[in-house]
PDB file of all heavy atoms in Angstrom:
ATOM      1  N   ASN A   1     -16.076  -6.959   9.088  1.00  0.00           N
ATOM      2  CA  ASN A   1     -15.950  -5.791   9.964  1.00  0.00           C
ATOM      3  C   ASN A   1     -17.294  -5.275  10.486  1.00  0.00           C
ATOM      4  O   ASN A   1     -17.427  -5.016  11.679  1.00  0.00           O
ATOM      5  CB  ASN A   1     -15.181  -4.675   9.249  1.00  0.00           C
ATOM      6  CG  ASN A   1     -13.681  -4.805   9.439  1.00  0.00           C
ATOM      7  OD1 ASN A   1     -13.181  -4.873  10.551  1.00  0.00           O
ATOM      8  ND2 ASN A   1     -12.949  -4.856   8.348  1.00  0.00           N
ATOM      9  N   PRO A   2     -18.305  -5.115   9.625  1.00  0.00           N
ATOM     10  CA  PRO A   2     -19.583  -4.610  10.137  1.00  0.00           C
ATOM     11  C   PRO A   2     -20.426  -5.654  10.866  1.00  0.00           C
ATOM     12  O   PRO A   2     -21.411  -5.310  11.513  1.00  0.00           O
ATOM     13  CB  PRO A   2     -20.298  -4.125   8.866  1.00  0.00           C
ATOM     14  CG  PRO A   2     -19.737  -4.958   7.779  1.00  0.00           C
ATOM     15  CD  PRO A   2     -18.315  -5.219   8.153  1.00  0.00           C
ATOM     16  N   THR A   3     -20.054  -6.924  10.769  1.00  0.00           N
ATOM     17  CA  THR A   3     -20.880  -7.978  11.376  1.00  0.00           C
ATOM     18  C   THR A   3     -20.357  -8.424  12.743  1.00  0.00           C
ATOM     19  O   THR A   3     -21.114  -8.467  13.711  1.00  0.00           O
ATOM     20  CB  THR A   3     -20.971  -9.198  10.442  1.00  0.00           C
ATOM     21  OG1 THR A   3     -19.653  -9.599  10.039  1.00  0.00           O
ATOM     22  CG2 THR A   3     -21.778  -8.866   9.198  1.00  0.00           C
ATOM     23  N   ILE A   4     -19.075  -8.771  12.828  1.00  0.00           N
ATOM     24  CA  ILE A   4     -18.543  -9.208  14.132  1.00  0.00           C
ATOM     25  C   ILE A   4     -17.628  -8.154  14.751  1.00  0.00           C
ATOM     26  O   ILE A   4     -17.094  -8.362  15.837  1.00  0.00           O
ATOM     27  CB  ILE A   4     -17.782 -10.550  14.005  1.00  0.00           C
ATOM     28  CG1 ILE A   4     -16.528 -10.402  13.147  1.00  0.00           C
ATOM     29  CG2 ILE A   4     -18.691 -11.620  13.436  1.00  0.00           C
ATOM     30  CD1 ILE A   4     -15.682 -11.670  13.099  1.00  0.00           C
ATOM     31  N   GLY A   5     -17.467  -7.028  14.080  1.00  0.00           N
ATOM     32  CA  GLY A   5     -16.681  -5.935  14.635  1.00  0.00           C
ATOM     33  C   GLY A   5     -15.230  -5.980  14.182  1.00  0.00           C
ATOM     34  O   GLY A   5     -14.657  -7.058  14.005  1.00  0.00           O
ATOM     35  N   PRO A   6     -14.606  -4.814  13.999  1.00  0.00           N
ATOM     36  CA  PRO A   6     -13.219  -4.766  13.526  1.00  0.00           C
ATOM     37  C   PRO A   6     -12.213  -5.388  14.478  1.00  0.00           C
ATOM     38  O   PRO A   6     -11.238  -6.005  14.052  1.00  0.00           O
ATOM     39  CB  PRO A   6     -12.968  -3.268  13.342  1.00  0.00           C
ATOM     40  CG  PRO A   6     -13.989  -2.594  14.203  1.00  0.00           C
ATOM     41  CD  PRO A   6     -15.184  -3.475  14.163  1.00  0.00           C
ATOM     42  N   GLY A   7     -12.433  -5.233  15.798  1.00  0.00           N
ATOM     43  CA  GLY A   7     -11.491  -5.777  16.770  1.00  0.00           C
ATOM     44  C   GLY A   7     -11.378  -7.284  16.673  1.00  0.00           C
ATOM     45  O   GLY A   7     -10.277  -7.837  16.557  1.00  0.00           O
ATOM     46  N   LEU A   8     -12.517  -7.958  16.707  1.00  0.00           N
ATOM     47  CA  LEU A   8     -12.521  -9.417  16.651  1.00  0.00           C
ATOM     48  C   LEU A   8     -12.092  -9.905  15.267  1.00  0.00           C
ATOM     49  O   LEU A   8     -11.403 -10.922  15.142  1.00  0.00           O
ATOM     50  CB  LEU A   8     -13.923  -9.940  16.989  1.00  0.00           C
ATOM     51  CG  LEU A   8     -14.046 -11.452  17.247  1.00  0.00           C
ATOM     52  CD1 LEU A   8     -13.091 -11.887  18.340  1.00  0.00           C
ATOM     53  CD2 LEU A   8     -15.479 -11.805  17.620  1.00  0.00           C
ATOM     54  N   THR A   9     -12.475  -9.180  14.223  1.00  0.00           N
ATOM     55  CA  THR A   9     -12.084  -9.557  12.863  1.00  0.00           C
ATOM     56  C   THR A   9     -10.572  -9.554  12.712  1.00  0.00           C
ATOM     57  O   THR A   9      -9.970 -10.515  12.225  1.00  0.00           O
ATOM     58  CB  THR A   9     -12.693  -8.594  11.833  1.00  0.00           C
ATOM     59  OG1 THR A   9     -14.117  -8.669  11.903  1.00  0.00           O
ATOM     60  CG2 THR A   9     -12.252  -8.939  10.422  1.00  0.00           C
ATOM     61  N   VAL A  10      -9.944  -8.457  13.129  1.00  0.00           N
ATOM     62  CA  VAL A  10      -8.479  -8.340  13.027  1.00  0.00           C
ATOM     63  C   VAL A  10      -7.794  -9.389  13.891  1.00  0.00           C
ATOM     64  O   VAL A  10      -6.823 -10.033  13.468  1.00  0.00           O
ATOM     65  CB  VAL A  10      -8.031  -6.918  13.436  1.00  0.00           C
ATOM     66  CG1 VAL A  10      -6.509  -6.850  13.549  1.00  0.00           C
ATOM     67  CG2 VAL A  10      -8.528  -5.898  12.438  1.00  0.00           C
ATOM     68  N   SER A  11      -8.291  -9.578  15.122  1.00  0.00           N
ATOM     69  CA  SER A  11      -7.673 -10.535  16.040  1.00  0.00           C
ATOM     70  C   SER A  11      -7.664 -11.947  15.465  1.00  0.00           C
ATOM     71  O   SER A  11      -6.639 -12.624  15.436  1.00  0.00           O
ATOM     72  CB  SER A  11      -8.409 -10.530  17.384  1.00  0.00           C
ATOM     73  OG  SER A  11      -8.350  -9.271  17.989  1.00  0.00           O
ATOM     74  N   LEU A  12      -8.831 -12.401  14.985  1.00  0.00           N
ATOM     75  CA  LEU A  12      -8.937 -13.764  14.473  1.00  0.00           C
ATOM     76  C   LEU A  12      -8.125 -13.941  13.192  1.00  0.00           C
ATOM     77  O   LEU A  12      -7.472 -14.967  13.001  1.00  0.00           O
ATOM     78  CB  LEU A  12     -10.403 -14.108  14.210  1.00  0.00           C
ATOM     79  CG  LEU A  12     -11.287 -14.247  15.459  1.00  0.00           C
ATOM     80  CD1 LEU A  12     -12.741 -14.422  15.067  1.00  0.00           C
ATOM     81  CD2 LEU A  12     -10.829 -15.422  16.318  1.00  0.00           C
ATOM     82  N   SER A  13      -8.134 -12.932  12.321  1.00  0.00           N
ATOM     83  CA  SER A  13      -7.382 -13.049  11.067  1.00  0.00           C
ATOM     84  C   SER A  13      -5.878 -13.080  11.331  1.00  0.00           C
ATOM     85  O   SER A  13      -5.147 -13.829  10.676  1.00  0.00           O
ATOM     86  CB  SER A  13      -7.739 -11.906  10.119  1.00  0.00           C
ATOM     87  OG  SER A  13      -7.366 -10.654  10.659  1.00  0.00           O
ATOM     88  N   ILE A  14      -5.416 -12.293  12.300  1.00  0.00           N
ATOM     89  CA  ILE A  14      -3.984 -12.282  12.625  1.00  0.00           C
ATOM     90  C   ILE A  14      -3.560 -13.605  13.254  1.00  0.00           C
ATOM     91  O   ILE A  14      -2.470 -14.123  12.979  1.00  0.00           O
ATOM     92  CB  ILE A  14      -3.651 -11.100  13.560  1.00  0.00           C
ATOM     93  CG1 ILE A  14      -3.735  -9.783  12.786  1.00  0.00           C
ATOM     94  CG2 ILE A  14      -2.255 -11.253  14.149  1.00  0.00           C
ATOM     95  CD1 ILE A  14      -3.495  -8.557  13.635  1.00  0.00           C
ATOM     96  N   ILE A  15      -4.437 -14.162  14.096  1.00  0.00           N
ATOM     97  CA  ILE A  15      -4.137 -15.468  14.687  1.00  0.00           C
ATOM     98  C   ILE A  15      -4.010 -16.517  13.585  1.00  0.00           C
ATOM     99  O   ILE A  15      -3.076 -17.329  13.572  1.00  0.00           O
ATOM    100  CB  ILE A  15      -5.230 -15.863  15.703  1.00  0.00           C
ATOM    101  CG1 ILE A  15      -5.168 -14.945  16.927  1.00  0.00           C
ATOM    102  CG2 ILE A  15      -5.058 -17.331  16.138  1.00  0.00           C
ATOM    103  CD1 ILE A  15      -6.325 -15.124  17.888  1.00  0.00           C
ATOM    104  N   GLY A  16      -4.964 -16.511  12.641  1.00  0.00           N
ATOM    105  CA  GLY A  16      -4.881 -17.438  11.506  1.00  0.00           C
ATOM    106  C   GLY A  16      -3.634 -17.211  10.687  1.00  0.00           C
ATOM    107  O   GLY A  16      -2.978 -18.165  10.242  1.00  0.00           O
ATOM    108  N   LEU A  17      -3.268 -15.950  10.502  1.00  0.00           N
ATOM    109  CA  LEU A  17      -2.072 -15.594   9.737  1.00  0.00           C
ATOM    110  C   LEU A  17      -0.812 -16.125  10.395  1.00  0.00           C
ATOM    111  O   LEU A  17       0.056 -16.720   9.739  1.00  0.00           O
ATOM    112  CB  LEU A  17      -2.005 -14.066   9.609  1.00  0.00           C
ATOM    113  CG  LEU A  17      -0.740 -13.458   9.014  1.00  0.00           C
ATOM    114  CD1 LEU A  17      -0.555 -13.892   7.575  1.00  0.00           C
ATOM    115  CD2 LEU A  17      -0.811 -11.933   9.106  1.00  0.00           C
ATOM    116  N   MET A  18      -0.694 -15.951  11.697  1.00  0.00           N
ATOM    117  CA  MET A  18       0.530 -16.350  12.408  1.00  0.00           C
ATOM    118  C   MET A  18       0.650 -17.869  12.496  1.00  0.00           C
ATOM    119  O   MET A  18       1.740 -18.428  12.308  1.00  0.00           O
ATOM    120  CB  MET A  18       0.555 -15.702  13.789  1.00  0.00           C
ATOM    121  CG  MET A  18       0.608 -14.187  13.738  1.00  0.00           C
ATOM    122  SD  MET A  18       0.696 -13.423  15.372  1.00  0.00           S
ATOM    123  CE  MET A  18       2.361 -13.841  15.837  1.00  0.00           C
ATOM    124  N   ILE A  19      -0.451 -18.544  12.792  1.00  0.00           N
ATOM    125  CA  ILE A  19      -0.416 -20.005  12.870  1.00  0.00           C
ATOM    126  C   ILE A  19      -0.058 -20.595  11.511  1.00  0.00           C
ATOM    127  O   ILE A  19       0.764 -21.519  11.407  1.00  0.00           O
ATOM    128  CB  ILE A  19      -1.783 -20.551  13.362  1.00  0.00           C
ATOM    129  CG1 ILE A  19      -2.012 -20.148  14.825  1.00  0.00           C
ATOM    130  CG2 ILE A  19      -1.826 -22.075  13.220  1.00  0.00           C
ATOM    131  CD1 ILE A  19      -3.379 -20.531  15.350  1.00  0.00           C
ATOM    132  N   SER A  20      -0.659 -20.047  10.460  1.00  0.00           N
ATOM    133  CA  SER A  20      -0.370 -20.536   9.110  1.00  0.00           C
ATOM    134  C   SER A  20       1.084 -20.289   8.731  1.00  0.00           C
ATOM    135  O   SER A  20       1.715 -21.120   8.073  1.00  0.00           O
ATOM    136  CB  SER A  20      -1.290 -19.847   8.094  1.00  0.00           C
ATOM    137  OG  SER A  20      -2.638 -20.124   8.385  1.00  0.00           O
ATOM    138  N   SER A  21       1.632 -19.151   9.143  1.00  0.00           N
ATOM    139  CA  SER A  21       3.025 -18.830   8.841  1.00  0.00           C
ATOM    140  C   SER A  21       3.969 -19.825   9.501  1.00  0.00           C
ATOM    141  O   SER A  21       4.984 -20.227   8.910  1.00  0.00           O
ATOM    142  CB  SER A  21       3.348 -17.401   9.304  1.00  0.00           C
ATOM    143  OG  SER A  21       2.572 -16.451   8.607  1.00  0.00           O
ATOM    144  N   ILE A  22       3.643 -20.247  10.723  1.00  0.00           N
ATOM    145  CA  ILE A  22       4.461 -21.250  11.424  1.00  0.00           C
ATOM    146  C   ILE A  22       4.433 -22.566  10.656  1.00  0.00           C
ATOM    147  O   ILE A  22       5.468 -23.213  10.451  1.00  0.00           O
ATOM    148  CB  ILE A  22       3.942 -21.459  12.862  1.00  0.00           C
ATOM    149  CG1 ILE A  22       4.259 -20.244  13.722  1.00  0.00           C
ATOM    150  CG2 ILE A  22       4.558 -22.713  13.486  1.00  0.00           C
ATOM    151  CD1 ILE A  22       3.761 -20.359  15.136  1.00  0.00           C
ATOM    152  N   ILE A  23       3.235 -22.980  10.235  1.00  0.00           N
ATOM    153  CA  ILE A  23       3.087 -24.248   9.502  1.00  0.00           C
ATOM    154  C   ILE A  23       3.863 -24.202   8.184  1.00  0.00           C
ATOM    155  O   ILE A  23       4.547 -25.162   7.810  1.00  0.00           O
ATOM    156  CB  ILE A  23       1.595 -24.550   9.246  1.00  0.00           C
ATOM    157  CG1 ILE A  23       0.869 -24.791  10.574  1.00  0.00           C
ATOM    158  CG2 ILE A  23       1.443 -25.761   8.331  1.00  0.00           C
ATOM    159  CD1 ILE A  23      -0.633 -24.922  10.436  1.00  0.00           C
ATOM    160  N   ILE A  24       3.760 -23.074   7.484  1.00  0.00           N
ATOM    161  CA  ILE A  24       4.450 -22.919   6.198  1.00  0.00           C
ATOM    162  C   ILE A  24       5.955 -23.004   6.377  1.00  0.00           C
ATOM    163  O   ILE A  24       6.654 -23.710   5.644  1.00  0.00           O
ATOM    164  CB  ILE A  24       4.060 -21.578   5.541  1.00  0.00           C
ATOM    165  CG1 ILE A  24       2.603 -21.633   5.056  1.00  0.00           C
ATOM    166  CG2 ILE A  24       4.985 -21.256   4.363  1.00  0.00           C
ATOM    167  CD1 ILE A  24       2.058 -20.297   4.589  1.00  0.00           C
ATOM    168  N   GLU A  25       6.480 -22.301   7.371  1.00  0.00           N
ATOM    169  CA  GLU A  25       7.923 -22.295   7.606  1.00  0.00           C
ATOM    170  C   GLU A  25       8.405 -23.656   8.117  1.00  0.00           C
ATOM    171  O   GLU A  25       9.462 -24.139   7.718  1.00  0.00           O
ATOM    172  CB  GLU A  25       8.299 -21.198   8.609  1.00  0.00           C
ATOM    173  CG  GLU A  25       9.793 -21.022   8.790  1.00  0.00           C
ATOM    174  CD  GLU A  25      10.132 -19.911   9.755  1.00  0.00           C
ATOM    175  OE1 GLU A  25       9.461 -19.803  10.801  1.00  0.00           O
ATOM    176  OE2 GLU A  25      11.064 -19.152   9.469  1.00  0.00           O
ATOM    177  N   HIS A  26       7.626 -24.278   8.990  1.00  0.00           N
ATOM    178  CA  HIS A  26       8.018 -25.563   9.575  1.00  0.00           C
ATOM    179  C   HIS A  26       8.115 -26.660   8.518  1.00  0.00           C
ATOM    180  O   HIS A  26       9.011 -27.511   8.550  1.00  0.00           O
ATOM    181  CB  HIS A  26       7.006 -25.972  10.654  1.00  0.00           C
ATOM    182  CG  HIS A  26       7.323 -27.266  11.332  1.00  0.00           C
ATOM    183  ND1 HIS A  26       8.289 -27.382  12.318  1.00  0.00           N
ATOM    184  CD2 HIS A  26       6.814 -28.517  11.159  1.00  0.00           C
ATOM    185  CE1 HIS A  26       8.366 -28.636  12.713  1.00  0.00           C
ATOM    186  NE2 HIS A  26       7.478 -29.351  12.036  1.00  0.00           N
ATOM    187  N   ASN A  27       7.192 -26.631   7.559  1.00  0.00           N
ATOM    188  CA  ASN A  27       7.145 -27.676   6.530  1.00  0.00           C
ATOM    189  C   ASN A  27       7.781 -27.274   5.204  1.00  0.00           C
ATOM    190  O   ASN A  27       7.831 -28.076   4.271  1.00  0.00           O
ATOM    191  CB  ASN A  27       5.683 -28.084   6.282  1.00  0.00           C
ATOM    192  CG  ASN A  27       5.048 -28.742   7.489  1.00  0.00           C
ATOM    193  OD1 ASN A  27       5.336 -29.882   7.835  1.00  0.00           O
ATOM    194  ND2 ASN A  27       4.167 -28.010   8.155  1.00  0.00           N
ATOM    195  N   GLY A  28       8.233 -26.025   5.115  1.00  0.00           N
ATOM    196  CA  GLY A  28       8.860 -25.566   3.881  1.00  0.00           C
ATOM    197  C   GLY A  28       7.898 -25.530   2.704  1.00  0.00           C
ATOM    198  O   GLY A  28       8.273 -25.868   1.574  1.00  0.00           O
ATOM    199  N   LEU A  29       6.662 -25.110   2.953  1.00  0.00           N
ATOM    200  CA  LEU A  29       5.651 -25.077   1.898  1.00  0.00           C
ATOM    201  C   LEU A  29       5.829 -23.865   0.985  1.00  0.00           C
ATOM    202  O   LEU A  29       6.415 -22.856   1.386  1.00  0.00           O
ATOM    203  CB  LEU A  29       4.252 -25.044   2.514  1.00  0.00           C
ATOM    204  CG  LEU A  29       3.898 -26.187   3.479  1.00  0.00           C
ATOM    205  CD1 LEU A  29       2.517 -25.964   4.080  1.00  0.00           C
ATOM    206  CD2 LEU A  29       3.959 -27.533   2.757  1.00  0.00           C
ATOM    207  N   PHE A  30       5.315 -23.965  -0.231  1.00  0.00           N
ATOM    208  CA  PHE A  30       5.306 -22.869  -1.206  1.00  0.00           C
ATOM    209  C   PHE A  30       6.707 -22.302  -1.452  1.00  0.00           C
ATOM    210  O   PHE A  30       6.888 -21.090  -1.577  1.00  0.00           O
ATOM    211  CB  PHE A  30       4.356 -21.747  -0.748  1.00  0.00           C
ATOM    212  CG  PHE A  30       2.996 -22.229  -0.352  1.00  0.00           C
ATOM    213  CD1 PHE A  30       2.557 -22.130   0.964  1.00  0.00           C
ATOM    214  CD2 PHE A  30       2.153 -22.814  -1.292  1.00  0.00           C
ATOM    215  CE1 PHE A  30       1.308 -22.589   1.338  1.00  0.00           C
ATOM    216  CE2 PHE A  30       0.887 -23.270  -0.926  1.00  0.00           C
ATOM    217  CZ  PHE A  30       0.472 -23.165   0.398  1.00  0.00           C
ATOM    218  N   GLN A  31       7.685 -23.191  -1.491  1.00  0.00           N
ATOM    219  CA  GLN A  31       9.073 -22.852  -1.780  1.00  0.00           C
ATOM    220  C   GLN A  31       9.728 -21.994  -0.695  1.00  0.00           C
ATOM    221  O   GLN A  31      10.743 -21.346  -0.936  1.00  0.00           O
ATOM    222  CB  GLN A  31       9.195 -22.138  -3.137  1.00  0.00           C
ATOM    223  CG  GLN A  31       8.685 -22.974  -4.304  1.00  0.00           C
ATOM    224  CD  GLN A  31       8.799 -22.251  -5.630  1.00  0.00           C
ATOM    225  OE1 GLN A  31       9.717 -21.474  -5.859  1.00  0.00           O
ATOM    226  NE2 GLN A  31       7.852 -22.515  -6.529  1.00  0.00           N
ATOM    227  N   VAL A  32       9.128 -21.974   0.483  1.00  0.00           N
ATOM    228  CA  VAL A  32       9.725 -21.262   1.618  1.00  0.00           C
ATOM    229  C   VAL A  32      10.797 -22.145   2.236  1.00  0.00           C
ATOM    230  O   VAL A  32      10.566 -23.348   2.443  1.00  0.00           O
ATOM    231  CB  VAL A  32       8.653 -20.922   2.677  1.00  0.00           C
ATOM    232  CG1 VAL A  32       9.299 -20.360   3.939  1.00  0.00           C
ATOM    233  CG2 VAL A  32       7.656 -19.936   2.101  1.00  0.00           C
ATOM    234  N   PRO A  33      11.996 -21.612   2.535  1.00  0.00           N
ATOM    235  CA  PRO A  33      13.040 -22.419   3.171  1.00  0.00           C
ATOM    236  C   PRO A  33      12.529 -23.070   4.454  1.00  0.00           C
ATOM    237  O   PRO A  33      11.928 -22.398   5.310  1.00  0.00           O
ATOM    238  CB  PRO A  33      14.150 -21.398   3.471  1.00  0.00           C
ATOM    239  CG  PRO A  33      13.955 -20.344   2.441  1.00  0.00           C
ATOM    240  CD  PRO A  33      12.460 -20.242   2.242  1.00  0.00           C
ATOM    241  N   LYS A  34      12.761 -24.352   4.595  1.00  0.00           N
ATOM    242  CA  LYS A  34      12.255 -25.100   5.743  1.00  0.00           C
ATOM    243  C   LYS A  34      13.017 -24.736   7.005  1.00  0.00           C
ATOM    244  O   LYS A  34      14.243 -24.670   7.009  1.00  0.00           O
ATOM    245  CB  LYS A  34      12.385 -26.605   5.464  1.00  0.00           C
ATOM    246  CG  LYS A  34      11.653 -27.492   6.448  1.00  0.00           C
ATOM    247  CD  LYS A  34      11.702 -28.944   5.983  1.00  0.00           C
ATOM    248  CE  LYS A  34      10.901 -29.856   6.897  1.00  0.00           C
ATOM    249  NZ  LYS A  34      10.917 -31.267   6.425  1.00  0.00           N
ATOM    250  N   ASN A  35      12.279 -24.486   8.076  1.00  0.00           N
ATOM    251  CA  ASN A  35      12.893 -24.131   9.350  1.00  0.00           C
ATOM    252  C   ASN A  35      12.021 -24.685  10.470  1.00  0.00           C
ATOM    253  O   ASN A  35      10.888 -24.242  10.671  1.00  0.00           O
ATOM    254  CB  ASN A  35      13.023 -22.612   9.478  1.00  0.00           C
ATOM    255  CG  ASN A  35      13.835 -22.207  10.708  1.00  0.00           C
ATOM    256  OD1 ASN A  35      14.698 -22.939  11.155  1.00  0.00           O
ATOM    257  ND2 ASN A  35      13.542 -21.036  11.235  1.00  0.00           N
ATOM    258  N   LYS A  36      12.540 -25.668  11.178  1.00  0.00           N
ATOM    259  CA  LYS A  36      11.761 -26.338  12.218  1.00  0.00           C
ATOM    260  C   LYS A  36      11.308 -25.366  13.308  1.00  0.00           C
ATOM    261  O   LYS A  36      12.057 -24.488  13.722  1.00  0.00           O
ATOM    262  CB  LYS A  36      12.596 -27.461  12.857  1.00  0.00           C
ATOM    263  CG  LYS A  36      12.891 -28.628  11.915  1.00  0.00           C
ATOM    264  CD  LYS A  36      11.619 -29.359  11.515  1.00  0.00           C
ATOM    265  CE  LYS A  36      11.921 -30.564  10.629  1.00  0.00           C
ATOM    266  NZ  LYS A  36      10.690 -31.276  10.215  1.00  0.00           N
ATOM    267  N   THR A  37      10.078 -25.559  13.744  1.00  0.00           N
ATOM    268  CA  THR A  37       9.509 -24.714  14.784  1.00  0.00           C
ATOM    269  C   THR A  37      10.063 -25.103  16.150  1.00  0.00           C
ATOM    270  O   THR A  37      10.065 -26.273  16.521  1.00  0.00           O
ATOM    271  CB  THR A  37       7.979 -24.846  14.807  1.00  0.00           C
ATOM    272  OG1 THR A  37       7.468 -24.508  13.515  1.00  0.00           O
ATOM    273  CG2 THR A  37       7.365 -23.932  15.847  1.00  0.00           C
ATOM    274  N   THR A  38      10.543 -24.113  16.896  1.00  0.00           N
ATOM    275  CA  THR A  38      11.082 -24.354  18.232  1.00  0.00           C
ATOM    276  C   THR A  38      10.022 -24.006  19.286  1.00  0.00           C
ATOM    277  O   THR A  38       9.035 -23.318  18.991  1.00  0.00           O
ATOM    278  CB  THR A  38      12.326 -23.495  18.471  1.00  0.00           C
ATOM    279  OG1 THR A  38      11.955 -22.103  18.409  1.00  0.00           O
ATOM    280  CG2 THR A  38      13.395 -23.776  17.410  1.00  0.00           C
ATOM    281  N   ARG A  39      10.258 -24.464  20.507  1.00  0.00           N
ATOM    282  CA  ARG A  39       9.335 -24.135  21.597  1.00  0.00           C
ATOM    283  C   ARG A  39       9.295 -22.628  21.835  1.00  0.00           C
ATOM    284  O   ARG A  39       8.230 -22.059  22.116  1.00  0.00           O
ATOM    285  CB  ARG A  39       9.779 -24.852  22.884  1.00  0.00           C
ATOM    286  CG  ARG A  39       9.572 -26.361  22.859  1.00  0.00           C
ATOM    287  CD  ARG A  39       9.974 -26.964  24.197  1.00  0.00           C
ATOM    288  NE  ARG A  39       9.791 -28.415  24.191  1.00  0.00           N
ATOM    289  CZ  ARG A  39      10.083 -29.210  25.223  1.00  0.00           C
ATOM    290  NH1 ARG A  39      10.567 -28.684  26.343  1.00  0.00           N
ATOM    291  NH2 ARG A  39       9.884 -30.514  25.134  1.00  0.00           N
ATOM    292  N   LEU A  40      10.462 -21.989  21.724  1.00  0.00           N
ATOM    293  CA  LEU A  40      10.534 -20.548  21.951  1.00  0.00           C
ATOM    294  C   LEU A  40       9.678 -19.800  20.929  1.00  0.00           C
ATOM    295  O   LEU A  40       8.998 -18.823  21.254  1.00  0.00           O
ATOM    296  CB  LEU A  40      11.987 -20.073  21.868  1.00  0.00           C
ATOM    297  CG  LEU A  40      12.224 -18.585  22.174  1.00  0.00           C
ATOM    298  CD1 LEU A  40      11.781 -18.261  23.594  1.00  0.00           C
ATOM    299  CD2 LEU A  40      13.697 -18.227  21.983  1.00  0.00           C
ATOM    300  N   LYS A  41       9.701 -20.278  19.684  1.00  0.00           N
ATOM    301  CA  LYS A  41       8.913 -19.626  18.639  1.00  0.00           C
ATOM    302  C   LYS A  41       7.420 -19.792  18.912  1.00  0.00           C
ATOM    303  O   LYS A  41       6.639 -18.846  18.729  1.00  0.00           O
ATOM    304  CB  LYS A  41       9.268 -20.220  17.275  1.00  0.00           C
ATOM    305  CG  LYS A  41       8.648 -19.482  16.095  1.00  0.00           C
ATOM    306  CD  LYS A  41       9.133 -20.074  14.786  1.00  0.00           C
ATOM    307  CE  LYS A  41      10.616 -19.847  14.599  1.00  0.00           C
ATOM    308  NZ  LYS A  41      11.107 -20.336  13.287  1.00  0.00           N
ATOM    309  N   ILE A  42       7.030 -20.970  19.362  1.00  0.00           N
ATOM    310  CA  ILE A  42       5.619 -21.206  19.700  1.00  0.00           C
ATOM    311  C   ILE A  42       5.193 -20.316  20.861  1.00  0.00           C
ATOM    312  O   ILE A  42       4.113 -19.716  20.851  1.00  0.00           O
ATOM    313  CB  ILE A  42       5.385 -22.689  20.051  1.00  0.00           C
ATOM    314  CG1 ILE A  42       5.622 -23.564  18.810  1.00  0.00           C
ATOM    315  CG2 ILE A  42       3.978 -22.902  20.591  1.00  0.00           C
ATOM    316  CD1 ILE A  42       5.537 -25.048  19.080  1.00  0.00           C
ATOM    317  N   ILE A  43       6.069 -20.211  21.873  1.00  0.00           N
ATOM    318  CA  ILE A  43       5.765 -19.360  23.030  1.00  0.00           C
ATOM    319  C   ILE A  43       5.633 -17.901  22.612  1.00  0.00           C
ATOM    320  O   ILE A  43       4.731 -17.191  23.049  1.00  0.00           O
ATOM    321  CB  ILE A  43       6.858 -19.517  24.107  1.00  0.00           C
ATOM    322  CG1 ILE A  43       6.814 -20.928  24.710  1.00  0.00           C
ATOM    323  CG2 ILE A  43       6.693 -18.466  25.208  1.00  0.00           C
ATOM    324  CD1 ILE A  43       7.953 -21.236  25.655  1.00  0.00           C
ATOM    325  N   SER A  44       6.549 -17.450  21.734  1.00  0.00           N
ATOM    326  CA  SER A  44       6.531 -16.047  21.298  1.00  0.00           C
ATOM    327  C   SER A  44       5.233 -15.732  20.558  1.00  0.00           C
ATOM    328  O   SER A  44       4.628 -14.678  20.770  1.00  0.00           O
ATOM    329  CB  SER A  44       7.740 -15.745  20.411  1.00  0.00           C
ATOM    330  OG  SER A  44       7.647 -16.404  19.159  1.00  0.00           O
ATOM    331  N   VAL A  45       4.798 -16.645  19.699  1.00  0.00           N
ATOM    332  CA  VAL A  45       3.556 -16.440  18.952  1.00  0.00           C
ATOM    333  C   VAL A  45       2.353 -16.488  19.897  1.00  0.00           C
ATOM    334  O   VAL A  45       1.405 -15.715  19.753  1.00  0.00           O
ATOM    335  CB  VAL A  45       3.413 -17.490  17.834  1.00  0.00           C
ATOM    336  CG1 VAL A  45       2.038 -17.396  17.178  1.00  0.00           C
ATOM    337  CG2 VAL A  45       4.496 -17.295  16.783  1.00  0.00           C
TER     338      VAL A  45
END
């Protein structure tokens, strides 16, 4: 936060969070029910 700023910090971390969530759900990792990623879901993210 004090080095690259809160705006960019939050933005990049949320992007990493959302992309990782798609990968986890798509592959059913960490005991998460598997659910294939659709084009609509990619567009929404």
